[in-house]
C-alpha cells in the first residue's frame, strides 16, 4: 500500500506542478485578509488580551486555509472520475486505500507550502509568535487539512456532479466560518452565540491554534482542539477510503 501511495502521490504532484497558479490562488484570499483586514483588529486584540493582532488573527487564517482550501479539492476527483482516471486506477492491482492516500499526500504538501508562505508574510508584518509553539499549531492545522481533503474527495465521488458538490460544500462551510471564530473570537459575542459555537468542533481547533501562537501549548484547549483535529482526520480518512473502495 505504501508503494502504491507513492505512485499516486507522484502523479498527483506532477499534475499540480503543471498548474502552480491553482496553488497560489488558494493563498490570495488569506493574504488579502492579512493585508487589508488584520490591521483593523488592534483594538480587538487589546480587548481579548492579545498583545499583537497578527498573533490573534493568523491562526484563524491558517484554519481557513486548511478548511476552505481542502474542501474544494474534490472537484479534481470529479474531473478524474468523468475522464475515467479513477476507474482505470481501480482496475489495477493498486491498493484501493492508496488511491485516496496518495491524493491526500498531494493536498498536504500544497497546504504546507501555503501555510509557510502565509506565516512568513505574517512575521514580516509584525506577528510575534514563538517558533516551537507555532510548529505545534501548524501541525494541528495540517491534521485538520487532511480531514477536510479526505471528506471533500468522499463527497465528490458520492455526488459526481460539480453543482451538487458546490451546494453541499457551501452549506457545510457557512456555519463553520460564522461559528468557529476564524475571523473574530467568538468570545466577544453574546452568550447564546458562544454556547452554539461550543458545539462546533472547528471552533476548538481554532482556539487550540491561537493558544499555540500565543506560546501556551500547555493550555487545556490545545489538547481539546488537537484531539478534535485528530478525530476529524480519522473520520475523514475512513469516509474517504470507504468511498474509494465502494466507487463504481
C-alpha atoms as a PDB file:
ATOM      1  CA  UNK A   1       0.000   0.000   0.000  1.00  0.00           C
ATOM      2  CA  UNK A   2       2.866   2.380   0.783  1.00  0.00           C
ATOM      3  CA  UNK A   3       4.432   1.885  -2.653  1.00  0.00           C
ATOM      4  CA  UNK A   4       1.077   2.363  -4.361  1.00  0.00           C
ATOM      5  CA  UNK A   5       0.511   5.532  -2.331  1.00  0.00           C
ATOM      6  CA  UNK A   6       3.868   6.919  -3.509  1.00  0.00           C
ATOM      7  CA  UNK A   7       2.970   6.186  -7.154  1.00  0.00           C
ATOM      8  CA  UNK A   8      -0.371   8.004  -6.853  1.00  0.00           C
ATOM      9  CA  UNK A   9       1.263  10.862  -4.924  1.00  0.00           C
ATOM     10  CA  UNK A  10       3.916  11.393  -7.603  1.00  0.00           C
ATOM     11  CA  UNK A  11       1.326  11.506 -10.356  1.00  0.00           C
ATOM     12  CA  UNK A  12      -0.844  13.970  -8.440  1.00  0.00           C
ATOM     13  CA  UNK A  13       2.153  16.193  -7.662  1.00  0.00           C
ATOM     14  CA  UNK A  14       3.207  16.270 -11.314  1.00  0.00           C
ATOM     15  CA  UNK A  15      -0.290  17.385 -12.249  1.00  0.00           C
ATOM     16  CA  UNK A  16      -0.247  20.121  -9.595  1.00  0.00           C
ATOM     17  CA  UNK A  17       3.187  21.402 -10.582  1.00  0.00           C
ATOM     18  CA  UNK A  18       1.979  21.823 -14.156  1.00  0.00           C
ATOM     19  CA  UNK A  19      -0.523  24.420 -12.895  1.00  0.00           C
ATOM     20  CA  UNK A  20       1.064  26.223  -9.915  1.00  0.00           C
ATOM     21  CA  UNK A  21      -1.439  29.056 -10.327  1.00  0.00           C
ATOM     22  CA  UNK A  22      -4.029  26.855  -8.611  1.00  0.00           C
ATOM     23  CA  UNK A  23      -1.815  26.565  -5.532  1.00  0.00           C
ATOM     24  CA  UNK A  24      -1.042  30.269  -5.433  1.00  0.00           C
ATOM     25  CA  UNK A  25      -4.672  31.271  -5.983  1.00  0.00           C
ATOM     26  CA  UNK A  26      -5.576  29.471  -2.766  1.00  0.00           C
ATOM     27  CA  UNK A  27      -3.333  31.939  -0.934  1.00  0.00           C
ATOM     28  CA  UNK A  28      -4.931  35.043  -2.411  1.00  0.00           C
ATOM     29  CA  UNK A  29      -7.894  35.393  -0.060  1.00  0.00           C
ATOM     30  CA  UNK A  30      -5.934  34.770   3.198  1.00  0.00           C
ATOM     31  CA  UNK A  31      -3.249  37.206   2.043  1.00  0.00           C
ATOM     32  CA  UNK A  32      -5.846  39.884   1.357  1.00  0.00           C
ATOM     33  CA  UNK A  33      -7.330  39.323   4.818  1.00  0.00           C
ATOM     34  CA  UNK A  34      -3.850  39.587   6.314  1.00  0.00           C
ATOM     35  CA  UNK A  35      -3.006  42.812   4.490  1.00  0.00           C
ATOM     36  CA  UNK A  36      -6.359  44.615   4.486  1.00  0.00           C
ATOM     37  CA  UNK A  37      -8.295  43.243   7.479  1.00  0.00           C
ATOM     38  CA  UNK A  38      -5.781  42.359  10.204  1.00  0.00           C
ATOM     39  CA  UNK A  39      -4.595  45.986  10.722  1.00  0.00           C
ATOM     40  CA  UNK A  40      -8.154  46.845  11.818  1.00  0.00           C
ATOM     41  CA  UNK A  41      -8.015  44.378  14.706  1.00  0.00           C
ATOM     42  CA  UNK A  42      -5.577  46.162  17.026  1.00  0.00           C
ATOM     43  CA  UNK A  43      -8.351  47.265  19.393  1.00  0.00           C
ATOM     44  CA  UNK A  44      -9.948  43.808  19.210  1.00  0.00           C
ATOM     45  CA  UNK A  45      -6.634  42.186  20.167  1.00  0.00           C
ATOM     46  CA  UNK A  46      -6.327  44.501  23.167  1.00  0.00           C
ATOM     47  CA  UNK A  47      -9.916  43.700  24.176  1.00  0.00           C
ATOM     48  CA  UNK A  48      -9.263  39.934  24.301  1.00  0.00           C
ATOM     49  CA  UNK A  49      -5.859  40.315  25.949  1.00  0.00           C
ATOM     50  CA  UNK A  50      -3.624  39.693  22.942  1.00  0.00           C
ATOM     51  CA  UNK A  51      -0.629  41.974  22.525  1.00  0.00           C
ATOM     52  CA  UNK A  52      -0.467  41.534  18.745  1.00  0.00           C
ATOM     53  CA  UNK A  53      -3.364  41.490  16.279  1.00  0.00           C
ATOM     54  CA  UNK A  54      -1.456  39.258  13.861  1.00  0.00           C
ATOM     55  CA  UNK A  55      -0.792  36.653  16.533  1.00  0.00           C
ATOM     56  CA  UNK A  56      -4.548  36.665  17.184  1.00  0.00           C
ATOM     57  CA  UNK A  57      -5.691  36.677  13.557  1.00  0.00           C
ATOM     58  CA  UNK A  58      -3.204  34.460  11.668  1.00  0.00           C
ATOM     59  CA  UNK A  59      -4.240  31.193  13.399  1.00  0.00           C
ATOM     60  CA  UNK A  60      -7.758  31.721  12.075  1.00  0.00           C
ATOM     61  CA  UNK A  61      -6.363  32.294   8.583  1.00  0.00           C
ATOM     62  CA  UNK A  62      -4.395  29.044   8.788  1.00  0.00           C
ATOM     63  CA  UNK A  63      -7.520  27.116   9.751  1.00  0.00           C
ATOM     64  CA  UNK A  64      -9.340  28.889   6.919  1.00  0.00           C
ATOM     65  CA  UNK A  65      -6.670  27.631   4.523  1.00  0.00           C
ATOM     66  CA  UNK A  66      -6.996  24.109   5.880  1.00  0.00           C
ATOM     67  CA  UNK A  67     -10.785  24.046   5.719  1.00  0.00           C
ATOM     68  CA  UNK A  68     -11.641  26.094   2.637  1.00  0.00           C
ATOM     69  CA  UNK A  69      -8.653  25.109   0.511  1.00  0.00           C
ATOM     70  CA  UNK A  70      -9.018  21.397   1.199  1.00  0.00           C
ATOM     71  CA  UNK A  71     -12.807  21.462   0.938  1.00  0.00           C
ATOM     72  CA  UNK A  72     -12.666  22.110  -2.807  1.00  0.00           C
ATOM     73  CA  UNK A  73     -10.046  19.514  -3.709  1.00  0.00           C
ATOM     74  CA  UNK A  74     -12.860  17.114  -4.529  1.00  0.00           C
ATOM     75  CA  UNK A  75     -13.582  18.979  -7.748  1.00  0.00           C
ATOM     76  CA  UNK A  76     -10.434  17.449  -9.192  1.00  0.00           C
ATOM     77  CA  UNK A  77     -11.670  13.981  -8.253  1.00  0.00           C
ATOM     78  CA  UNK A  78     -14.922  14.612 -10.135  1.00  0.00           C
ATOM     79  CA  UNK A  79     -12.944  15.529 -13.241  1.00  0.00           C
ATOM     80  CA  UNK A  80     -10.782  12.433 -12.913  1.00  0.00           C
ATOM     81  CA  UNK A  81     -13.850  10.246 -12.425  1.00  0.00           C
ATOM     82  CA  UNK A  82     -15.502  11.751 -15.508  1.00  0.00           C
ATOM     83  CA  UNK A  83     -12.332  11.158 -17.580  1.00  0.00           C
ATOM     84  CA  UNK A  84     -12.168   7.536 -16.425  1.00  0.00           C
ATOM     85  CA  UNK A  85      -8.913   8.014 -14.491  1.00  0.00           C
ATOM     86  CA  UNK A  86     -10.231   6.737 -11.174  1.00  0.00           C
ATOM     87  CA  UNK A  87     -11.939   3.760 -12.789  1.00  0.00           C
ATOM     88  CA  UNK A  88      -8.672   2.987 -14.595  1.00  0.00           C
ATOM     89  CA  UNK A  89      -6.806   3.092 -11.276  1.00  0.00           C
ATOM     90  CA  UNK A  90      -9.371   0.827  -9.640  1.00  0.00           C
ATOM     91  CA  UNK A  91      -8.872  -1.979 -12.171  1.00  0.00           C
ATOM     92  CA  UNK A  92      -5.130  -2.067 -11.464  1.00  0.00           C
ATOM     93  CA  UNK A  93      -3.659  -4.156  -8.613  1.00  0.00           C
ATOM     94  CA  UNK A  94      -3.132  -0.921  -6.639  1.00  0.00           C
ATOM     95  CA  UNK A  95      -4.448  -0.905  -3.090  1.00  0.00           C
ATOM     96  CA  UNK A  96      -7.743   0.997  -3.001  1.00  0.00           C
ATOM     97  CA  UNK A  97      -6.718   2.986   0.076  1.00  0.00           C
ATOM     98  CA  UNK A  98      -3.610   4.193  -1.764  1.00  0.00           C
ATOM     99  CA  UNK A  99      -5.817   5.925  -4.334  1.00  0.00           C
ATOM    100  CA  UNK A 100      -7.003   8.279  -1.590  1.00  0.00           C
ATOM    101  CA  UNK A 101      -3.811   8.445   0.489  1.00  0.00           C
ATOM    102  CA  UNK A 102      -1.697   9.490  -2.498  1.00  0.00           C
ATOM    103  CA  UNK A 103      -4.087  12.342  -3.209  1.00  0.00           C
ATOM    104  CA  UNK A 104      -4.102  13.360   0.449  1.00  0.00           C
ATOM    105  CA  UNK A 105      -0.295  13.482   0.357  1.00  0.00           C
ATOM    106  CA  UNK A 106      -0.501  15.946  -2.520  1.00  0.00           C
ATOM    107  CA  UNK A 107      -3.067  18.050  -0.657  1.00  0.00           C
ATOM    108  CA  UNK A 108      -0.888  18.026   2.472  1.00  0.00           C
ATOM    109  CA  UNK A 109       2.187  19.267   0.572  1.00  0.00           C
ATOM    110  CA  UNK A 110       0.174  22.052  -1.050  1.00  0.00           C
ATOM    111  CA  UNK A 111      -1.298  23.123   2.284  1.00  0.00           C
ATOM    112  CA  UNK A 112       2.123  23.090   3.954  1.00  0.00           C
ATOM    113  CA  UNK A 113       3.533  25.344   1.213  1.00  0.00           C
ATOM    114  CA  UNK A 114       0.645  27.793   1.607  1.00  0.00           C
ATOM    115  CA  UNK A 115       0.973  27.795   5.409  1.00  0.00           C
ATOM    116  CA  UNK A 116       4.711  28.526   5.255  1.00  0.00           C
ATOM    117  CA  UNK A 117       4.197  31.431   2.843  1.00  0.00           C
ATOM    118  CA  UNK A 118       1.409  32.921   4.960  1.00  0.00           C
ATOM    119  CA  UNK A 119       3.390  32.623   8.203  1.00  0.00           C
ATOM    120  CA  UNK A 120       6.476  34.198   6.603  1.00  0.00           C
ATOM    121  CA  UNK A 121       4.352  37.117   5.414  1.00  0.00           C
ATOM    122  CA  UNK A 122       2.764  37.437   8.860  1.00  0.00           C
ATOM    123  CA  UNK A 123       6.188  37.645  10.520  1.00  0.00           C
ATOM    124  CA  UNK A 124       7.103  40.371   8.030  1.00  0.00           C
ATOM    125  CA  UNK A 125       4.012  42.313   9.130  1.00  0.00           C
ATOM    126  CA  UNK A 126       4.971  42.006  12.789  1.00  0.00           C
ATOM    127  CA  UNK A 127       3.478  38.795  14.122  1.00  0.00           C
ATOM    128  CA  UNK A 128       5.059  37.800  17.435  1.00  0.00           C
ATOM    129  CA  UNK A 129       4.734  34.041  17.925  1.00  0.00           C
ATOM    130  CA  UNK A 130       7.361  31.678  19.417  1.00  0.00           C
ATOM    131  CA  UNK A 131       8.545  29.217  16.778  1.00  0.00           C
ATOM    132  CA  UNK A 132       8.381  25.922  18.781  1.00  0.00           C
ATOM    133  CA  UNK A 133       4.791  26.531  19.880  1.00  0.00           C
ATOM    134  CA  UNK A 134       3.918  27.823  16.416  1.00  0.00           C
ATOM    135  CA  UNK A 135       5.018  24.495  14.919  1.00  0.00           C
ATOM    136  CA  UNK A 136       2.562  22.682  17.189  1.00  0.00           C
ATOM    137  CA  UNK A 137      -0.207  24.907  15.885  1.00  0.00           C
ATOM    138  CA  UNK A 138       0.866  24.241  12.305  1.00  0.00           C
ATOM    139  CA  UNK A 139       0.756  20.501  12.991  1.00  0.00           C
ATOM    140  CA  UNK A 140      -2.834  20.752  14.254  1.00  0.00           C
ATOM    141  CA  UNK A 141      -3.723  22.778  11.163  1.00  0.00           C
ATOM    142  CA  UNK A 142      -2.261  20.179   8.798  1.00  0.00           C
ATOM    143  CA  UNK A 143      -4.159  17.360  10.532  1.00  0.00           C
ATOM    144  CA  UNK A 144      -7.386  19.305  10.069  1.00  0.00           C
ATOM    145  CA  UNK A 145      -6.491  19.911   6.418  1.00  0.00           C
ATOM    146  CA  UNK A 146      -6.151  16.166   5.808  1.00  0.00           C
ATOM    147  CA  UNK A 147      -9.575  15.627   7.399  1.00  0.00           C
ATOM    148  CA  UNK A 148     -11.202  18.213   5.129  1.00  0.00           C
ATOM    149  CA  UNK A 149      -9.450  16.963   1.978  1.00  0.00           C
ATOM    150  CA  UNK A 150     -10.464  13.355   2.629  1.00  0.00           C
ATOM    151  CA  UNK A 151     -14.064  14.375   3.267  1.00  0.00           C
ATOM    152  CA  UNK A 152     -14.095  16.526   0.137  1.00  0.00           C
ATOM    153  CA  UNK A 153     -12.917  13.627  -2.031  1.00  0.00           C
ATOM    154  CA  UNK A 154     -15.561  11.372  -0.497  1.00  0.00           C
ATOM    155  CA  UNK A 155     -18.335  13.899  -1.132  1.00  0.00           C
ATOM    156  CA  UNK A 156     -17.108  14.427  -4.693  1.00  0.00           C
ATOM    157  CA  UNK A 157     -17.168  10.724  -5.584  1.00  0.00           C
ATOM    158  CA  UNK A 158     -20.570  10.364  -3.956  1.00  0.00           C
ATOM    159  CA  UNK A 159     -22.063  13.350  -5.805  1.00  0.00           C
ATOM    160  CA  UNK A 160     -20.191  13.033  -9.151  1.00  0.00           C
ATOM    161  CA  UNK A 161     -21.503  16.462 -10.095  1.00  0.00           C
ATOM    162  CA  UNK A 162     -19.876  19.866  -9.555  1.00  0.00           C
ATOM    163  CA  UNK A 163     -23.194  21.605  -8.854  1.00  0.00           C
ATOM    164  CA  UNK A 164     -24.187  19.133  -6.162  1.00  0.00           C
ATOM    165  CA  UNK A 165     -20.653  19.236  -4.767  1.00  0.00           C
ATOM    166  CA  UNK A 166     -20.716  23.035  -4.578  1.00  0.00           C
ATOM    167  CA  UNK A 167     -24.099  23.067  -2.873  1.00  0.00           C
ATOM    168  CA  UNK A 168     -23.042  20.550  -0.222  1.00  0.00           C
ATOM    169  CA  UNK A 169     -19.675  22.171   0.470  1.00  0.00           C
ATOM    170  CA  UNK A 170     -21.046  25.709   0.697  1.00  0.00           C
ATOM    171  CA  UNK A 171     -23.794  24.522   3.054  1.00  0.00           C
ATOM    172  CA  UNK A 172     -21.182  22.965   5.327  1.00  0.00           C
ATOM    173  CA  UNK A 173     -18.761  25.892   5.173  1.00  0.00           C
ATOM    174  CA  UNK A 174     -21.241  28.646   6.060  1.00  0.00           C
ATOM    175  CA  UNK A 175     -21.762  27.643   9.729  1.00  0.00           C
ATOM    176  CA  UNK A 176     -18.044  26.931  10.036  1.00  0.00           C
ATOM    177  CA  UNK A 177     -16.975  30.447   9.090  1.00  0.00           C
ATOM    178  CA  UNK A 178     -19.702  32.019  11.245  1.00  0.00           C
ATOM    179  CA  UNK A 179     -19.298  29.904  14.390  1.00  0.00           C
ATOM    180  CA  UNK A 180     -15.665  28.819  14.502  1.00  0.00           C
ATOM    181  CA  UNK A 181     -14.143  32.215  15.294  1.00  0.00           C
ATOM    182  CA  UNK A 182     -11.910  32.186  12.219  1.00  0.00           C
ATOM    183  CA  UNK A 183     -12.204  35.945  11.664  1.00  0.00           C
ATOM    184  CA  UNK A 184     -13.078  37.169  15.166  1.00  0.00           C
ATOM    185  CA  UNK A 185     -13.036  35.402  18.561  1.00  0.00           C
ATOM    186  CA  UNK A 186     -16.487  34.048  19.373  1.00  0.00           C
ATOM    187  CA  UNK A 187     -15.974  35.058  22.998  1.00  0.00           C
ATOM    188  CA  UNK A 188     -16.779  38.635  22.001  1.00  0.00           C
ATOM    189  CA  UNK A 189     -20.339  37.631  21.084  1.00  0.00           C
ATOM    190  CA  UNK A 190     -23.483  37.136  23.195  1.00  0.00           C
ATOM    191  CA  UNK A 191     -23.851  34.099  25.437  1.00  0.00           C
ATOM    192  CA  UNK A 192     -26.233  32.238  23.138  1.00  0.00           C
ATOM    193  CA  UNK A 193     -23.737  32.571  20.275  1.00  0.00           C
ATOM    194  CA  UNK A 194     -20.873  31.357  22.468  1.00  0.00           C
ATOM    195  CA  UNK A 195     -22.937  28.343  23.546  1.00  0.00           C
ATOM    196  CA  UNK A 196     -23.782  27.493  19.924  1.00  0.00           C
ATOM    197  CA  UNK A 197     -20.148  27.868  18.875  1.00  0.00           C
ATOM    198  CA  UNK A 198     -19.068  25.384  21.549  1.00  0.00           C
ATOM    199  CA  UNK A 199     -20.898  22.717  19.541  1.00  0.00           C
ATOM    200  CA  UNK A 200     -18.676  23.418  16.511  1.00  0.00           C
ATOM    201  CA  UNK A 201     -15.514  21.212  16.581  1.00  0.00           C
ATOM    202  CA  UNK A 202     -13.600  23.573  14.271  1.00  0.00           C
ATOM    203  CA  UNK A 203     -14.031  26.336  16.852  1.00  0.00           C
ATOM    204  CA  UNK A 204     -11.997  24.299  19.350  1.00  0.00           C
ATOM    205  CA  UNK A 205      -9.313  23.728  16.715  1.00  0.00           C
ATOM    206  CA  UNK A 206      -9.092  27.491  16.099  1.00  0.00           C
ATOM    207  CA  UNK A 207      -8.775  28.121  19.847  1.00  0.00           C
ATOM    208  CA  UNK A 208      -6.024  25.491  20.084  1.00  0.00           C
ATOM    209  CA  UNK A 209      -4.003  27.031  17.265  1.00  0.00           C
ATOM    210  CA  UNK A 210      -4.439  30.501  18.793  1.00  0.00           C
ATOM    211  CA  UNK A 211      -3.146  29.221  22.139  1.00  0.00           C
ATOM    212  CA  UNK A 212      -0.104  27.741  20.383  1.00  0.00           C
ATOM    213  CA  UNK A 213       0.653  31.020  18.623  1.00  0.00           C
ATOM    214  CA  UNK A 214       0.328  32.794  21.972  1.00  0.00           C
ATOM    215  CA  UNK A 215       3.017  30.460  23.328  1.00  0.00           C
ATOM    216  CA  UNK A 216       0.804  28.378  25.631  1.00  0.00           C
ATOM    217  CA  UNK A 217       0.870  24.778  24.393  1.00  0.00           C
ATOM    218  CA  UNK A 218       0.053  23.502  27.884  1.00  0.00           C
ATOM    219  CA  UNK A 219      -3.437  25.018  27.837  1.00  0.00           C
ATOM    220  CA  UNK A 220      -6.255  22.505  28.095  1.00  0.00           C
ATOM    221  CA  UNK A 221      -7.760  23.985  24.936  1.00  0.00           C
ATOM    222  CA  UNK A 222      -4.748  22.815  22.927  1.00  0.00           C
ATOM    223  CA  UNK A 223      -5.326  19.198  23.932  1.00  0.00           C
ATOM    224  CA  UNK A 224      -9.059  19.559  23.316  1.00  0.00           C
ATOM    225  CA  UNK A 225      -8.639  21.181  19.899  1.00  0.00           C
ATOM    226  CA  UNK A 226      -5.854  18.818  18.887  1.00  0.00           C
ATOM    227  CA  UNK A 227      -7.996  15.870  19.871  1.00  0.00           C
ATOM    228  CA  UNK A 228     -10.850  17.148  17.720  1.00  0.00           C
ATOM    229  CA  UNK A 229      -8.469  17.596  14.778  1.00  0.00           C
ATOM    230  CA  UNK A 230      -7.225  14.009  15.098  1.00  0.00           C
ATOM    231  CA  UNK A 231     -10.761  12.645  15.453  1.00  0.00           C
ATOM    232  CA  UNK A 232     -11.973  14.569  12.398  1.00  0.00           C
ATOM    233  CA  UNK A 233      -8.930  13.319  10.468  1.00  0.00           C
ATOM    234  CA  UNK A 234      -9.637   9.686  11.331  1.00  0.00           C
ATOM    235  CA  UNK A 235     -13.301  10.038  10.418  1.00  0.00           C
ATOM    236  CA  UNK A 236     -12.481  11.843   7.173  1.00  0.00           C
ATOM    237  CA  UNK A 237      -9.899   9.273   6.067  1.00  0.00           C
ATOM    238  CA  UNK A 238     -12.294   6.428   6.960  1.00  0.00           C
ATOM    239  CA  UNK A 239     -15.102   8.065   4.975  1.00  0.00           C
ATOM    240  CA  UNK A 240     -12.838   8.784   2.012  1.00  0.00           C
ATOM    241  CA  UNK A 241     -11.264   5.325   1.961  1.00  0.00           C
ATOM    242  CA  UNK A 242     -14.671   3.677   2.191  1.00  0.00           C
ATOM    243  CA  UNK A 243     -15.907   5.771  -0.733  1.00  0.00           C
ATOM    244  CA  UNK A 244     -12.897   4.960  -2.935  1.00  0.00           C
ATOM    245  CA  UNK A 245     -13.329   1.270  -2.211  1.00  0.00           C
ATOM    246  CA  UNK A 246     -17.049   1.334  -2.993  1.00  0.00           C
ATOM    247  CA  UNK A 247     -16.857   3.653  -6.020  1.00  0.00           C
ATOM    248  CA  UNK A 248     -18.163   2.065  -9.208  1.00  0.00           C
END
